[in-house]
PDB file of N, CA and C in Angstrom:
ATOM      1  N   UNK A   1      94.216  54.034 115.447  1.00  0.00           N
ATOM      2  CA  UNK A   1      93.551  54.349 114.187  1.00  0.00           C
ATOM      3  C   UNK A   1      92.441  55.370 114.448  1.00  0.00           C
ATOM      4  N   UNK A   2      92.265  56.250 113.476  1.00  0.00           N
ATOM      5  CA  UNK A   2      91.171  57.212 113.534  1.00  0.00           C
ATOM      6  C   UNK A   2      90.252  56.963 112.346  1.00  0.00           C
ATOM      7  N   UNK A   3      89.003  57.280 112.491  1.00  0.00           N
ATOM      8  CA  UNK A   3      88.047  57.085 111.406  1.00  0.00           C
ATOM      9  C   UNK A   3      88.082  58.293 110.472  1.00  0.00           C
ATOM     10  N   UNK A   4      87.985  58.021 109.183  1.00  0.00           N
ATOM     11  CA  UNK A   4      87.908  59.066 108.169  1.00  0.00           C
ATOM     12  C   UNK A   4      86.789  58.667 107.211  1.00  0.00           C
ATOM     13  N   UNK A   5      85.945  59.613 106.854  1.00  0.00           N
ATOM     14  CA  UNK A   5      84.769  59.310 106.030  1.00  0.00           C
ATOM     15  C   UNK A   5      84.762  60.212 104.800  1.00  0.00           C
ATOM     16  N   UNK A   6      84.453  59.600 103.657  1.00  0.00           N
ATOM     17  CA  UNK A   6      84.263  60.356 102.421  1.00  0.00           C
ATOM     18  C   UNK A   6      83.016  59.812 101.743  1.00  0.00           C
ATOM     19  N   UNK A   7      82.049  60.665 101.524  1.00  0.00           N
ATOM     20  CA  UNK A   7      80.776  60.313 100.893  1.00  0.00           C
ATOM     21  C   UNK A   7      80.198  59.013 101.443  1.00  0.00           C
ATOM     22  N   UNK A   8      80.191  58.908 102.757  1.00  0.00           N
ATOM     23  CA  UNK A   8      79.569  57.773 103.425  1.00  0.00           C
ATOM     24  C   UNK A   8      80.425  56.520 103.541  1.00  0.00           C
ATOM     25  N   UNK A   9      81.624  56.538 102.961  1.00  0.00           N
ATOM     26  CA  UNK A   9      82.512  55.374 103.057  1.00  0.00           C
ATOM     27  C   UNK A   9      83.541  55.673 104.148  1.00  0.00           C
ATOM     28  N   UNK A  10      83.569  54.803 105.151  1.00  0.00           N
ATOM     29  CA  UNK A  10      84.443  55.006 106.304  1.00  0.00           C
ATOM     30  C   UNK A  10      85.660  54.101 106.218  1.00  0.00           C
ATOM     31  N   UNK A  11      86.844  54.700 106.364  1.00  0.00           N
ATOM     32  CA  UNK A  11      88.098  53.958 106.422  1.00  0.00           C
ATOM     33  C   UNK A  11      88.784  54.301 107.742  1.00  0.00           C
ATOM     34  N   UNK A  12      89.837  53.578 108.056  1.00  0.00           N
ATOM     35  CA  UNK A  12      90.619  53.875 109.238  1.00  0.00           C
ATOM     36  C   UNK A  12      91.987  54.375 108.794  1.00  0.00           C
ATOM     37  N   UNK A  13      92.470  55.421 109.473  1.00  0.00           N
ATOM     38  CA  UNK A  13      93.769  56.009 109.152  1.00  0.00           C
ATOM     39  C   UNK A  13      94.634  55.927 110.409  1.00  0.00           C
ATOM     40  N   UNK A  14      95.866  55.468 110.257  1.00  0.00           N
ATOM     41  CA  UNK A  14      96.783  55.355 111.382  1.00  0.00           C
ATOM     42  C   UNK A  14      97.149  56.752 111.874  1.00  0.00           C
ATOM     43  N   UNK A  15      97.028  56.972 113.170  1.00  0.00           N
ATOM     44  CA  UNK A  15      97.341  58.290 113.720  1.00  0.00           C
ATOM     45  C   UNK A  15      98.849  58.540 113.742  1.00  0.00           C
ATOM     46  N   UNK A  16      99.646  57.496 113.639  1.00  0.00           N
ATOM     47  CA  UNK A  16     101.093  57.650 113.635  1.00  0.00           C
ATOM     48  C   UNK A  16     101.659  57.869 112.237  1.00  0.00           C
ATOM     49  N   UNK A  17     101.519  56.859 111.378  1.00  0.00           N
ATOM     50  CA  UNK A  17     102.136  56.907 110.043  1.00  0.00           C
ATOM     51  C   UNK A  17     101.226  57.497 108.978  1.00  0.00           C
ATOM     52  N   UNK A  18      99.925  57.627 109.265  1.00  0.00           N
ATOM     53  CA  UNK A  18      98.907  58.149 108.345  1.00  0.00           C
ATOM     54  C   UNK A  18      98.578  57.207 107.192  1.00  0.00           C
ATOM     55  N   UNK A  19      98.983  55.933 107.298  1.00  0.00           N
ATOM     56  CA  UNK A  19      98.564  54.936 106.322  1.00  0.00           C
ATOM     57  C   UNK A  19      97.065  54.705 106.458  1.00  0.00           C
ATOM     58  N   UNK A  20      96.456  54.126 105.427  1.00  0.00           N
ATOM     59  CA  UNK A  20      95.007  53.942 105.416  1.00  0.00           C
ATOM     60  C   UNK A  20      94.651  52.457 105.328  1.00  0.00           C
ATOM     61  N   UNK A  21      93.713  52.048 106.202  1.00  0.00           N
ATOM     62  CA  UNK A  21      93.168  50.691 106.186  1.00  0.00           C
ATOM     63  C   UNK A  21      91.808  50.735 105.491  1.00  0.00           C
ATOM     64  N   UNK A  22      91.670  49.896 104.469  1.00  0.00           N
ATOM     65  CA  UNK A  22      90.418  49.768 103.731  1.00  0.00           C
ATOM     66  C   UNK A  22      89.856  48.375 103.976  1.00  0.00           C
ATOM     67  N   UNK A  23      88.616  48.284 104.445  1.00  0.00           N
ATOM     68  CA  UNK A  23      87.959  46.987 104.492  1.00  0.00           C
ATOM     69  C   UNK A  23      87.743  46.542 103.044  1.00  0.00           C
ATOM     70  N   UNK A  24      87.422  45.272 102.854  1.00  0.00           N
ATOM     71  CA  UNK A  24      87.258  44.713 101.516  1.00  0.00           C
ATOM     72  C   UNK A  24      86.364  45.600 100.640  1.00  0.00           C
ATOM     73  N   UNK A  25      86.835  45.919  99.474  1.00  0.00           N
ATOM     74  CA  UNK A  25      86.162  46.693  98.421  1.00  0.00           C
ATOM     75  C   UNK A  25      86.077  48.208  98.671  1.00  0.00           C
ATOM     76  N   UNK A  26      86.389  48.687  99.868  1.00  0.00           N
ATOM     77  CA  UNK A  26      86.327  50.136 100.120  1.00  0.00           C
ATOM     78  C   UNK A  26      87.306  50.903  99.235  1.00  0.00           C
ATOM     79  N   UNK A  27      88.508  50.360  99.048  1.00  0.00           N
ATOM     80  CA  UNK A  27      89.484  51.039  98.200  1.00  0.00           C
ATOM     81  C   UNK A  27      88.943  51.198  96.789  1.00  0.00           C
ATOM     82  N   UNK A  28      88.374  50.135  96.240  1.00  0.00           N
ATOM     83  CA  UNK A  28      87.849  50.194  94.874  1.00  0.00           C
ATOM     84  C   UNK A  28      86.695  51.188  94.768  1.00  0.00           C
ATOM     85  N   UNK A  29      85.825  51.205  95.770  1.00  0.00           N
ATOM     86  CA  UNK A  29      84.714  52.160  95.775  1.00  0.00           C
ATOM     87  C   UNK A  29      85.242  53.591  95.804  1.00  0.00           C
ATOM     88  N   UNK A  30      86.243  53.851  96.640  1.00  0.00           N
ATOM     89  CA  UNK A  30      86.784  55.204  96.759  1.00  0.00           C
ATOM     90  C   UNK A  30      87.596  55.619  95.533  1.00  0.00           C
ATOM     91  N   UNK A  31      88.212  54.674  94.863  1.00  0.00           N
ATOM     92  CA  UNK A  31      88.959  55.004  93.642  1.00  0.00           C
ATOM     93  C   UNK A  31      88.034  55.589  92.570  1.00  0.00           C
ATOM     94  N   UNK A  32      86.782  55.179  92.584  1.00  0.00           N
ATOM     95  CA  UNK A  32      85.815  55.666  91.598  1.00  0.00           C
ATOM     96  C   UNK A  32      85.240  57.045  91.945  1.00  0.00           C
ATOM     97  N   UNK A  33      85.434  57.494  93.180  1.00  0.00           N
ATOM     98  CA  UNK A  33      84.846  58.766  93.611  1.00  0.00           C
ATOM     99  C   UNK A  33      85.827  59.921  93.462  1.00  0.00           C
ATOM    100  N   UNK A  34      85.422  60.905  92.699  1.00  0.00           N
ATOM    101  CA  UNK A  34      86.257  62.083  92.511  1.00  0.00           C
ATOM    102  C   UNK A  34      86.472  62.796  93.842  1.00  0.00           C
ATOM    103  N   UNK A  35      87.715  63.155  94.121  1.00  0.00           N
ATOM    104  CA  UNK A  35      88.051  63.903  95.321  1.00  0.00           C
ATOM    105  C   UNK A  35      88.361  63.065  96.547  1.00  0.00           C
ATOM    106  N   UNK A  36      88.213  61.735  96.441  1.00  0.00           N
ATOM    107  CA  UNK A  36      88.419  60.882  97.623  1.00  0.00           C
ATOM    108  C   UNK A  36      89.870  60.836  98.086  1.00  0.00           C
ATOM    109  N   UNK A  37      90.789  61.298  97.255  1.00  0.00           N
ATOM    110  CA  UNK A  37      92.203  61.308  97.651  1.00  0.00           C
ATOM    111  C   UNK A  37      92.463  62.215  98.851  1.00  0.00           C
ATOM    112  N   UNK A  38      91.486  63.049  99.181  1.00  0.00           N
ATOM    113  CA  UNK A  38      91.594  63.920 100.345  1.00  0.00           C
ATOM    114  C   UNK A  38      91.755  63.109 101.644  1.00  0.00           C
ATOM    115  N   UNK A  39      91.338  61.849 101.628  1.00  0.00           N
ATOM    116  CA  UNK A  39      91.486  60.985 102.802  1.00  0.00           C
ATOM    117  C   UNK A  39      92.950  60.686 103.116  1.00  0.00           C
ATOM    118  N   UNK A  40      93.803  60.744 102.093  1.00  0.00           N
ATOM    119  CA  UNK A  40      95.223  60.415 102.248  1.00  0.00           C
ATOM    120  C   UNK A  40      95.987  61.674 102.657  1.00  0.00           C
ATOM    121  N   UNK A  41      96.097  61.893 103.959  1.00  0.00           N
ATOM    122  CA  UNK A  41      96.671  63.131 104.485  1.00  0.00           C
ATOM    123  C   UNK A  41      98.151  63.027 104.843  1.00  0.00           C
ATOM    124  N   UNK A  42      98.722  61.856 104.737  1.00  0.00           N
ATOM    125  CA  UNK A  42     100.098  61.648 105.167  1.00  0.00           C
ATOM    126  C   UNK A  42     101.132  62.016 104.122  1.00  0.00           C
ATOM    127  N   UNK A  43     102.370  62.054 104.555  1.00  0.00           N
ATOM    128  CA  UNK A  43     103.508  62.367 103.691  1.00  0.00           C
ATOM    129  C   UNK A  43     103.915  61.140 102.880  1.00  0.00           C
ATOM    130  N   UNK A  44     103.973  61.283 101.569  1.00  0.00           N
ATOM    131  CA  UNK A  44     104.383  60.178 100.704  1.00  0.00           C
ATOM    132  C   UNK A  44     105.824  59.774 100.996  1.00  0.00           C
ATOM    133  N   UNK A  45     106.650  60.727 101.362  1.00  0.00           N
ATOM    134  CA  UNK A  45     108.057  60.435 101.682  1.00  0.00           C
ATOM    135  C   UNK A  45     108.139  59.527 102.911  1.00  0.00           C
ATOM    136  N   UNK A  46     107.365  59.840 103.928  1.00  0.00           N
ATOM    137  CA  UNK A  46     107.338  58.993 105.130  1.00  0.00           C
ATOM    138  C   UNK A  46     106.696  57.647 104.802  1.00  0.00           C
ATOM    139  N   UNK A  47     105.634  57.667 104.021  1.00  0.00           N
ATOM    140  CA  UNK A  47     104.973  56.425 103.626  1.00  0.00           C
ATOM    141  C   UNK A  47     105.911  55.476 102.902  1.00  0.00           C
ATOM    142  N   UNK A  48     106.770  56.018 102.060  1.00  0.00           N
ATOM    143  CA  UNK A  48     107.716  55.184 101.317  1.00  0.00           C
ATOM    144  C   UNK A  48     108.685  54.477 102.261  1.00  0.00           C
ATOM    145  N   UNK A  49     109.049  55.136 103.349  1.00  0.00           N
ATOM    146  CA  UNK A  49     109.924  54.515 104.343  1.00  0.00           C
ATOM    147  C   UNK A  49     109.266  53.286 104.968  1.00  0.00           C
ATOM    148  N   UNK A  50     107.955  53.298 105.078  1.00  0.00           N
ATOM    149  CA  UNK A  50     107.238  52.177 105.672  1.00  0.00           C
ATOM    150  C   UNK A  50     107.156  50.980 104.734  1.00  0.00           C
ATOM    151  N   UNK A  51     107.567  51.117 103.478  1.00  0.00           N
ATOM    152  CA  UNK A  51     107.623  49.959 102.585  1.00  0.00           C
ATOM    153  C   UNK A  51     108.622  48.924 103.102  1.00  0.00           C
ATOM    154  N   UNK A  52     109.551  49.364 103.940  1.00  0.00           N
ATOM    155  CA  UNK A  52     110.548  48.449 104.512  1.00  0.00           C
ATOM    156  C   UNK A  52     109.929  47.536 105.572  1.00  0.00           C
ATOM    157  N   UNK A  53     108.790  47.943 106.129  1.00  0.00           N
ATOM    158  CA  UNK A  53     108.085  47.127 107.125  1.00  0.00           C
ATOM    159  C   UNK A  53     107.175  46.178 106.355  1.00  0.00           C
ATOM    160  N   UNK A  54     107.469  44.896 106.409  1.00  0.00           N
ATOM    161  CA  UNK A  54     106.726  43.994 105.527  1.00  0.00           C
ATOM    162  C   UNK A  54     106.133  42.773 106.217  1.00  0.00           C
ATOM    163  N   UNK A  55     106.159  42.719 107.500  1.00  0.00           N
ATOM    164  CA  UNK A  55     105.554  41.583 108.211  1.00  0.00           C
ATOM    165  C   UNK A  55     104.454  42.124 109.117  1.00  0.00           C
ATOM    166  N   UNK A  56     103.327  42.452 108.513  1.00  0.00           N
ATOM    167  CA  UNK A  56     102.232  43.061 109.254  1.00  0.00           C
ATOM    168  C   UNK A  56     101.182  42.019 109.629  1.00  0.00           C
ATOM    169  N   UNK A  57     100.549  42.255 110.761  1.00  0.00           N
ATOM    170  CA  UNK A  57      99.416  41.451 111.201  1.00  0.00           C
ATOM    171  C   UNK A  57      98.168  42.284 110.955  1.00  0.00           C
ATOM    172  N   UNK A  58      97.129  41.670 110.460  1.00  0.00           N
ATOM    173  CA  UNK A  58      95.900  42.381 110.110  1.00  0.00           C
ATOM    174  C   UNK A  58      95.264  43.027 111.340  1.00  0.00           C
ATOM    175  N   UNK A  59      95.006  44.327 111.283  1.00  0.00           N
ATOM    176  CA  UNK A  59      94.367  44.991 112.417  1.00  0.00           C
ATOM    177  C   UNK A  59      92.886  44.607 112.570  1.00  0.00           C
ATOM    178  N   UNK A  60      92.235  44.215 111.487  1.00  0.00           N
ATOM    179  CA  UNK A  60      90.807  43.868 111.545  1.00  0.00           C
ATOM    180  C   UNK A  60      90.575  42.458 112.068  1.00  0.00           C
ATOM    181  N   UNK A  61      91.512  41.568 111.836  1.00  0.00           N
ATOM    182  CA  UNK A  61      91.352  40.174 112.250  1.00  0.00           C
ATOM    183  C   UNK A  61      91.926  39.933 113.652  1.00  0.00           C
ATOM    184  N   UNK A  62      92.270  40.986 114.331  1.00  0.00           N
ATOM    185  CA  UNK A  62      92.779  40.908 115.716  1.00  0.00           C
ATOM    186  C   UNK A  62      93.944  39.938 115.852  1.00  0.00           C
ATOM    187  N   UNK A  63      94.860  40.036 114.900  1.00  0.00           N
ATOM    188  CA  UNK A  63      96.068  39.228 115.013  1.00  0.00           C
ATOM    189  C   UNK A  63      95.992  37.845 114.416  1.00  0.00           C
ATOM    190  N   UNK A  64      94.845  37.420 113.910  1.00  0.00           N
ATOM    191  CA  UNK A  64      94.747  36.075 113.345  1.00  0.00           C
ATOM    192  C   UNK A  64      95.058  36.047 111.857  1.00  0.00           C
ATOM    193  N   UNK A  65      94.985  37.178 111.201  1.00  0.00           N
ATOM    194  CA  UNK A  65      95.260  37.234 109.768  1.00  0.00           C
ATOM    195  C   UNK A  65      96.590  37.911 109.492  1.00  0.00           C
ATOM    196  N   UNK A  66      97.427  37.266 108.711  1.00  0.00           N
ATOM    197  CA  UNK A  66      98.702  37.864 108.337  1.00  0.00           C
ATOM    198  C   UNK A  66      98.567  38.506 106.967  1.00  0.00           C
ATOM    199  N   UNK A  67      99.176  39.638 106.819  1.00  0.00           N
ATOM    200  CA  UNK A  67      99.056  40.404 105.593  1.00  0.00           C
ATOM    201  C   UNK A  67     100.013  39.873 104.518  1.00  0.00           C
ATOM    202  N   UNK A  68      99.517  39.818 103.297  1.00  0.00           N
ATOM    203  CA  UNK A  68     100.327  39.440 102.146  1.00  0.00           C
ATOM    204  C   UNK A  68     100.928  40.699 101.538  1.00  0.00           C
ATOM    205  N   UNK A  69     102.168  40.628 101.155  1.00  0.00           N
ATOM    206  CA  UNK A  69     102.821  41.758 100.494  1.00  0.00           C
ATOM    207  C   UNK A  69     102.423  41.740  99.026  1.00  0.00           C
ATOM    208  N   UNK A  70     101.929  42.863  98.544  1.00  0.00           N
ATOM    209  CA  UNK A  70     101.407  42.946  97.182  1.00  0.00           C
ATOM    210  C   UNK A  70     102.064  44.097  96.425  1.00  0.00           C
ATOM    211  N   UNK A  71     101.968  44.026  95.106  1.00  0.00           N
ATOM    212  CA  UNK A  71     102.407  45.088  94.219  1.00  0.00           C
ATOM    213  C   UNK A  71     101.231  45.395  93.302  1.00  0.00           C
ATOM    214  N   UNK A  72     100.894  46.669  93.156  1.00  0.00           N
ATOM    215  CA  UNK A  72      99.758  47.023  92.304  1.00  0.00           C
ATOM    216  C   UNK A  72     100.080  46.639  90.857  1.00  0.00           C
ATOM    217  N   UNK A  73      99.158  45.964  90.155  1.00  0.00           N
ATOM    218  CA  UNK A  73      99.450  45.476  88.805  1.00  0.00           C
ATOM    219  C   UNK A  73      99.700  46.560  87.758  1.00  0.00           C
ATOM    220  N   UNK A  74      99.074  47.714  87.894  1.00  0.00           N
ATOM    221  CA  UNK A  74      99.268  48.786  86.909  1.00  0.00           C
ATOM    222  C   UNK A  74     100.308  49.809  87.335  1.00  0.00           C
ATOM    223  N   UNK A  75     100.567  49.894  88.629  1.00  0.00           N
ATOM    224  CA  UNK A  75     101.535  50.858  89.152  1.00  0.00           C
ATOM    225  C   UNK A  75     102.471  50.102  90.101  1.00  0.00           C
ATOM    226  N   UNK A  76     103.462  49.424  89.528  1.00  0.00           N
ATOM    227  CA  UNK A  76     104.291  48.503  90.303  1.00  0.00           C
ATOM    228  C   UNK A  76     105.165  49.188  91.351  1.00  0.00           C
ATOM    229  N   UNK A  77     105.197  50.500  91.367  1.00  0.00           N
ATOM    230  CA  UNK A  77     105.936  51.201  92.425  1.00  0.00           C
ATOM    231  C   UNK A  77     105.095  51.344  93.694  1.00  0.00           C
ATOM    232  N   UNK A  78     103.815  50.959  93.633  1.00  0.00           N
ATOM    233  CA  UNK A  78     102.943  51.017  94.806  1.00  0.00           C
ATOM    234  C   UNK A  78     102.917  49.639  95.448  1.00  0.00           C
ATOM    235  N   UNK A  79     103.518  49.565  96.634  1.00  0.00           N
ATOM    236  CA  UNK A  79     103.579  48.340  97.414  1.00  0.00           C
ATOM    237  C   UNK A  79     102.580  48.456  98.552  1.00  0.00           C
ATOM    238  N   UNK A  80     101.756  47.453  98.735  1.00  0.00           N
ATOM    239  CA  UNK A  80     100.750  47.494  99.787  1.00  0.00           C
ATOM    240  C   UNK A  80     100.596  46.116 100.405  1.00  0.00           C
ATOM    241  N   UNK A  81      99.777  46.030 101.444  1.00  0.00           N
ATOM    242  CA  UNK A  81      99.546  44.776 102.132  1.00  0.00           C
ATOM    243  C   UNK A  81      98.057  44.441 102.078  1.00  0.00           C
ATOM    244  N   UNK A  82      97.756  43.148 101.947  1.00  0.00           N
ATOM    245  CA  UNK A  82      96.374  42.669 101.859  1.00  0.00           C
ATOM    246  C   UNK A  82      96.211  41.478 102.802  1.00  0.00           C
ATOM    247  N   UNK A  83      95.125  41.461 103.554  1.00  0.00           N
ATOM    248  CA  UNK A  83      94.868  40.352 104.475  1.00  0.00           C
ATOM    249  C   UNK A  83      94.270  39.178 103.703  1.00  0.00           C
ATOM    250  N   UNK A  84      94.873  38.015 103.866  1.00  0.00           N
ATOM    251  CA  UNK A  84      94.372  36.826 103.166  1.00  0.00           C
ATOM    252  C   UNK A  84      93.103  36.262 103.807  1.00  0.00           C
ATOM    253  N   UNK A  85      92.751  36.752 104.997  1.00  0.00           N
ATOM    254  CA  UNK A  85      91.553  36.273 105.676  1.00  0.00           C
ATOM    255  C   UNK A  85      90.347  37.157 105.357  1.00  0.00           C
ATOM    256  N   UNK A  86      90.458  38.469 105.635  1.00  0.00           N
ATOM    257  CA  UNK A  86      89.290  39.353 105.490  1.00  0.00           C
ATOM    258  C   UNK A  86      89.294  40.175 104.198  1.00  0.00           C
ATOM    259  N   UNK A  87      90.401  40.191 103.472  1.00  0.00           N
ATOM    260  CA  UNK A  87      90.464  40.945 102.223  1.00  0.00           C
ATOM    261  C   UNK A  87      90.732  42.425 102.400  1.00  0.00           C
ATOM    262  N   UNK A  88      91.017  42.859 103.626  1.00  0.00           N
ATOM    263  CA  UNK A  88      91.341  44.261 103.868  1.00  0.00           C
ATOM    264  C   UNK A  88      92.685  44.636 103.264  1.00  0.00           C
ATOM    265  N   UNK A  89      92.854  45.930 102.994  1.00  0.00           N
ATOM    266  CA  UNK A  89      94.072  46.429 102.348  1.00  0.00           C
ATOM    267  C   UNK A  89      94.632  47.593 103.147  1.00  0.00           C
ATOM    268  N   UNK A  90      95.968  47.620 103.296  1.00  0.00           N
ATOM    269  CA  UNK A  90      96.636  48.735 103.953  1.00  0.00           C
ATOM    270  C   UNK A  90      97.562  49.416 102.956  1.00  0.00           C
ATOM    271  N   UNK A  91      97.335  50.713 102.752  1.00  0.00           N
ATOM    272  CA  UNK A  91      98.204  51.529 101.904  1.00  0.00           C
ATOM    273  C   UNK A  91      98.953  52.511 102.786  1.00  0.00           C
ATOM    274  N   UNK A  92     100.260  52.615 102.586  1.00  0.00           N
ATOM    275  CA  UNK A  92     101.053  53.593 103.321  1.00  0.00           C
ATOM    276  C   UNK A  92     100.660  54.998 102.907  1.00  0.00           C
ATOM    277  N   UNK A  93     101.045  55.967 103.720  1.00  0.00           N
ATOM    278  CA  UNK A  93     100.742  57.369 103.436  1.00  0.00           C
ATOM    279  C   UNK A  93     101.209  57.743 102.029  1.00  0.00           C
ATOM    280  N   UNK A  94     100.364  58.416 101.303  1.00  0.00           N
ATOM    281  CA  UNK A  94     100.679  58.875  99.953  1.00  0.00           C
ATOM    282  C   UNK A  94     100.338  57.891  98.853  1.00  0.00           C
ATOM    283  N   UNK A  95     100.174  56.623  99.182  1.00  0.00           N
ATOM    284  CA  UNK A  95      99.934  55.622  98.145  1.00  0.00           C
ATOM    285  C   UNK A  95      98.536  55.706  97.544  1.00  0.00           C
ATOM    286  N   UNK A  96      97.538  56.047  98.327  1.00  0.00           N
ATOM    287  CA  UNK A  96      96.194  56.168  97.755  1.00  0.00           C
ATOM    288  C   UNK A  96      96.131  57.366  96.803  1.00  0.00           C
ATOM    289  N   UNK A  97      96.743  58.484  97.181  1.00  0.00           N
ATOM    290  CA  UNK A  97      96.785  59.657  96.277  1.00  0.00           C
ATOM    291  C   UNK A  97      97.486  59.275  94.979  1.00  0.00           C
ATOM    292  N   UNK A  98      98.595  58.574  95.096  1.00  0.00           N
ATOM    293  CA  UNK A  98      99.354  58.155  93.923  1.00  0.00           C
ATOM    294  C   UNK A  98      98.529  57.210  93.054  1.00  0.00           C
ATOM    295  N   UNK A  99      97.830  56.290  93.674  1.00  0.00           N
ATOM    296  CA  UNK A  99      97.003  55.329  92.944  1.00  0.00           C
ATOM    297  C   UNK A  99      95.897  56.034  92.160  1.00  0.00           C
ATOM    298  N   UNK A 100      95.332  57.080  92.735  1.00  0.00           N
ATOM    299  CA  UNK A 100      94.258  57.837  92.070  1.00  0.00           C
ATOM    300  C   UNK A 100      94.779  58.665  90.899  1.00  0.00           C
ATOM    301  N   UNK A 101      96.050  58.978  90.901  1.00  0.00           N
ATOM    302  CA  UNK A 101      96.630  59.884  89.911  1.00  0.00           C
ATOM    303  C   UNK A 101      97.548  59.115  88.966  1.00  0.00           C
ATOM    304  N   UNK A 102      96.968  58.225  88.176  1.00  0.00           N
ATOM    305  CA  UNK A 102      97.755  57.415  87.237  1.00  0.00           C
ATOM    306  C   UNK A 102      98.124  58.258  86.015  1.00  0.00           C
ATOM    307  N   UNK A 103      99.433  58.373  85.755  1.00  0.00           N
ATOM    308  CA  UNK A 103      99.929  59.182  84.640  1.00  0.00           C
ATOM    309  C   UNK A 103     100.996  58.412  83.862  1.00  0.00           C
ATOM    310  N   UNK A 104     101.500  59.020  82.831  1.00  0.00           N
ATOM    311  CA  UNK A 104     102.587  58.431  82.037  1.00  0.00           C
ATOM    312  C   UNK A 104     103.849  58.267  82.879  1.00  0.00           C
ATOM    313  N   UNK A 105     103.994  59.091  83.922  1.00  0.00           N
ATOM    314  CA  UNK A 105     105.171  58.998  84.778  1.00  0.00           C
ATOM    315  C   UNK A 105     105.202  57.679  85.549  1.00  0.00           C
ATOM    316  N   UNK A 106     104.044  57.057  85.726  1.00  0.00           N
ATOM    317  CA  UNK A 106     104.000  55.770  86.410  1.00  0.00           C
ATOM    318  C   UNK A 106     104.765  54.706  85.629  1.00  0.00           C
ATOM    319  N   UNK A 107     104.787  54.819  84.317  1.00  0.00           N
ATOM    320  CA  UNK A 107     105.560  53.898  83.484  1.00  0.00           C
ATOM    321  C   UNK A 107     107.039  53.999  83.846  1.00  0.00           C
ATOM    322  N   UNK A 108     107.546  55.220  83.987  1.00  0.00           N
ATOM    323  CA  UNK A 108     108.948  55.427  84.317  1.00  0.00           C
ATOM    324  C   UNK A 108     109.256  55.048  85.759  1.00  0.00           C
ATOM    325  N   UNK A 109     108.315  55.302  86.665  1.00  0.00           N
ATOM    326  CA  UNK A 109     108.500  54.883  88.057  1.00  0.00           C
ATOM    327  C   UNK A 109     108.641  53.361  88.126  1.00  0.00           C
ATOM    328  N   UNK A 110     107.864  52.656  87.324  1.00  0.00           N
ATOM    329  CA  UNK A 110     107.911  51.198  87.315  1.00  0.00           C
ATOM    330  C   UNK A 110     109.280  50.706  86.860  1.00  0.00           C
ATOM    331  N   UNK A 111     109.881  51.399  85.923  1.00  0.00           N
ATOM    332  CA  UNK A 111     111.211  51.003  85.454  1.00  0.00           C
ATOM    333  C   UNK A 111     112.280  51.169  86.526  1.00  0.00           C
ATOM    334  N   UNK A 112     112.088  52.146  87.403  1.00  0.00           N
ATOM    335  CA  UNK A 112     113.079  52.466  88.425  1.00  0.00           C
ATOM    336  C   UNK A 112     112.839  51.776  89.770  1.00  0.00           C
ATOM    337  N   UNK A 113     111.685  51.143  89.921  1.00  0.00           N
ATOM    338  CA  UNK A 113     111.332  50.504  91.199  1.00  0.00           C
ATOM    339  C   UNK A 113     111.925  49.109  91.261  1.00  0.00           C
ATOM    340  N   UNK A 114     112.643  48.809  92.361  1.00  0.00           N
ATOM    341  CA  UNK A 114     113.179  47.454  92.488  1.00  0.00           C
ATOM    342  C   UNK A 114     112.066  46.441  92.703  1.00  0.00           C
ATOM    343  N   UNK A 115     112.380  45.183  92.479  1.00  0.00           N
ATOM    344  CA  UNK A 115     111.409  44.116  92.692  1.00  0.00           C
ATOM    345  C   UNK A 115     111.122  43.978  94.183  1.00  0.00           C
ATOM    346  N   UNK A 116     109.888  43.759  94.535  1.00  0.00           N
ATOM    347  CA  UNK A 116     109.532  43.564  95.943  1.00  0.00           C
ATOM    348  C   UNK A 116     109.832  42.125  96.338  1.00  0.00           C
ATOM    349  N   UNK A 117     110.558  41.982  97.424  1.00  0.00           N
ATOM    350  CA  UNK A 117     110.956  40.637  97.884  1.00  0.00           C
ATOM    351  C   UNK A 117     110.249  40.247  99.136  1.00  0.00           C
TER     352      UNK A 117
END
């Protein structure tokens, strides 16, 4: 993981897949800041492939916390993982940019997205 900072908020970005790890509440804080999507430097196409990986161990809890598979309530095509112990969130590459850019097309994406199992 590499550190990435936007307006004083530090997140960790995977050097391999470019997914982003947010400690508890960092994602919500960054969603409110204009331009913070610049932190999401990875390919959305590659990030979507990582949706198939669904048994993650929390990187912050050093292996003691298992990640829960989640679906964003307003944009159901965005699948992410959340640690049930520390509250951290992992978004695959491209998902934070997509989350920041909520449009009418998200309604249609939701219709075409299969249910997460």
